[in-house]
Amino acid sequence: GLMWASLKTLDLSRNAITELPSAFSHLPSLTVLDVSRNRLRQLPPELSTLPQLRSLIALSNSFRPATRSLPLSALAGLPDLRLLDLRFNKKLKPSACKDLLALHLPQVTQILLTGTHTSS
């Protein structure tokens, strides 16, 4: 566990991952998590154990609609989260997601969805 305590960036992109492990509690210093271009259907609520996370890059996955694939309360509990990249996830409809994410995640200044670019 200690070996990973100072890890700042974790790139798990392009690995055909279908599910993220719940061992995030061992990564207290993580600021960037890249899980893009995998086969994830959802993000785990354990993301809430990454207190310093600033960027969550999850583009090009197989997410279900937002309420079933994004742990909104877990993400809402990440005070430093600024970038959430969800582009190229067919079932995440920008029209449905944009307001939902803005409502639940006011701290996120950049939410990227295919076809829209929301920046506050």
Protein backbone atom coordinates (compact mmCIF):
# COMPACT_ATOMS: atom_id res chain seq x y z
CA GLY A 1 0.00 0.00 0.00
CA LEU A 2 2.72 2.50 0.97
CA MET A 3 4.48 2.09 -2.34
CA TRP A 4 1.54 3.77 -4.09
CA ALA A 5 0.87 6.46 -1.48
CA SER A 6 2.70 9.19 -3.40
CA LEU A 7 1.41 8.25 -6.88
CA LYS A 8 0.02 11.36 -8.62
CA THR A 9 -1.01 10.10 -12.08
CA LEU A 10 -2.46 6.74 -13.02
CA ASP A 11 -2.97 5.90 -16.69
CA LEU A 12 -5.08 2.80 -17.26
CA SER A 13 -6.16 3.77 -20.76
CA ARG A 14 -6.43 1.31 -23.67
CA ASN A 15 -6.55 -1.85 -21.57
CA ALA A 16 -10.00 -3.30 -22.39
CA ILE A 17 -10.85 -3.00 -18.68
CA THR A 18 -14.50 -3.76 -17.93
CA GLU A 19 -14.45 -2.93 -14.22
CA LEU A 20 -12.23 -0.76 -12.03
CA PRO A 21 -10.79 -2.30 -8.87
CA SER A 22 -11.98 -0.87 -5.57
CA ALA A 23 -8.43 -0.47 -4.25
CA PHE A 24 -8.39 3.29 -4.72
CA SER A 25 -8.09 3.92 -1.00
CA HIS A 26 -4.37 3.18 -1.37
CA LEU A 27 -3.89 6.18 -3.68
CA PRO A 28 -4.40 9.23 -1.43
CA SER A 29 -2.18 11.54 -3.54
CA LEU A 30 -3.68 10.73 -6.94
CA THR A 31 -4.57 13.87 -8.91
CA VAL A 32 -5.07 12.43 -12.43
CA LEU A 33 -6.91 9.21 -13.29
CA ASP A 34 -7.10 8.23 -16.96
CA VAL A 35 -9.40 5.29 -17.68
CA SER A 36 -10.13 6.28 -21.28
CA ARG A 37 -10.61 3.84 -24.15
CA ASN A 38 -11.62 0.87 -22.04
CA ARG A 39 -14.90 -1.05 -21.79
CA LEU A 40 -16.14 0.34 -18.50
CA ARG A 41 -19.90 0.34 -18.00
CA GLN A 42 -19.72 2.39 -14.82
CA LEU A 43 -17.38 4.20 -12.45
CA PRO A 44 -17.10 2.81 -8.88
CA PRO A 45 -18.23 4.79 -5.82
CA GLU A 46 -14.77 4.09 -4.36
CA LEU A 47 -13.58 7.09 -6.37
CA SER A 48 -14.67 9.04 -3.29
CA THR A 49 -11.48 7.80 -1.58
CA LEU A 50 -9.32 9.93 -3.90
CA PRO A 51 -9.40 13.25 -2.00
CA GLN A 52 -6.93 15.06 -4.27
CA LEU A 53 -8.32 13.95 -7.64
CA ARG A 54 -8.41 16.88 -10.08
CA SER A 55 -8.85 15.20 -13.48
CA LEU A 56 -10.95 12.17 -14.32
CA ILE A 57 -10.56 11.18 -17.96
CA ALA A 58 -13.07 8.51 -18.93
CA LEU A 59 -13.66 9.13 -22.61
CA SER A 60 -14.51 6.32 -25.01
CA ASN A 61 -15.97 3.68 -22.71
CA SER A 62 -19.26 1.77 -22.60
CA PHE A 63 -21.04 3.72 -19.89
CA ARG A 64 -24.74 3.23 -19.32
CA PRO A 65 -26.95 6.33 -18.89
CA ALA A 66 -25.52 8.74 -16.30
CA THR A 67 -27.68 7.85 -13.31
CA ARG A 68 -26.62 4.20 -13.61
CA SER A 69 -22.97 4.66 -14.55
CA LEU A 70 -21.71 7.72 -12.68
CA PRO A 71 -21.46 7.71 -8.86
CA LEU A 72 -22.61 11.31 -8.53
CA SER A 73 -22.48 11.49 -4.74
CA ALA A 74 -18.94 10.05 -4.74
CA LEU A 75 -17.80 12.54 -7.39
CA ALA A 76 -19.55 15.37 -5.55
CA GLY A 77 -17.38 14.57 -2.53
CA LEU A 78 -14.15 15.29 -4.42
CA PRO A 79 -13.42 18.96 -3.60
CA ASP A 80 -10.55 19.36 -6.09
CA LEU A 81 -12.19 17.69 -9.11
CA ARG A 82 -12.07 20.19 -12.00
CA LEU A 83 -12.06 18.13 -15.20
CA LEU A 84 -14.48 15.34 -16.06
CA ASP A 85 -14.02 14.02 -19.60
CA LEU A 86 -16.87 11.75 -20.69
CA ARG A 87 -16.71 12.20 -24.46
CA PHE A 88 -17.46 9.33 -26.83
CA ASN A 89 -19.72 7.39 -24.47
CA LYS A 90 -22.76 6.78 -26.68
CA LYS A 91 -25.31 6.31 -23.88
CA LEU A 92 -24.32 9.46 -22.04
CA LYS A 93 -26.59 11.87 -23.88
CA PRO A 94 -25.29 15.44 -23.54
CA SER A 95 -28.81 16.84 -23.30
CA ALA A 96 -29.63 14.62 -20.33
CA CYS A 97 -26.20 14.72 -18.69
CA LYS A 98 -25.22 18.34 -18.85
CA ASP A 99 -27.71 19.72 -16.32
CA LEU A 100 -27.49 16.66 -14.09
CA LEU A 101 -23.71 16.92 -13.83
CA ALA A 102 -23.75 20.70 -13.38
CA LEU A 103 -26.26 20.32 -10.56
CA HIS A 104 -24.40 17.57 -8.69
CA LEU A 105 -20.83 18.64 -9.43
CA PRO A 106 -20.61 22.44 -9.03
CA GLN A 107 -16.87 22.22 -8.29
CA VAL A 108 -16.09 20.79 -11.75
CA THR A 109 -15.18 23.63 -14.10
CA GLN A 110 -14.82 21.50 -17.24
CA ILE A 111 -17.28 18.77 -18.15
CA LEU A 112 -16.64 17.35 -21.60
CA LEU A 113 -19.41 15.46 -23.37
CA THR A 114 -19.55 14.53 -27.05
CA GLY A 115 -21.13 17.29 -29.08
CA THR A 116 -20.93 19.84 -26.28
CA HIS A 117 -18.22 21.72 -24.50
CA THR A 118 -19.33 23.03 -21.12
CA SER A 119 -17.03 25.35 -19.25
CA SER A 120 -18.11 27.62 -16.46
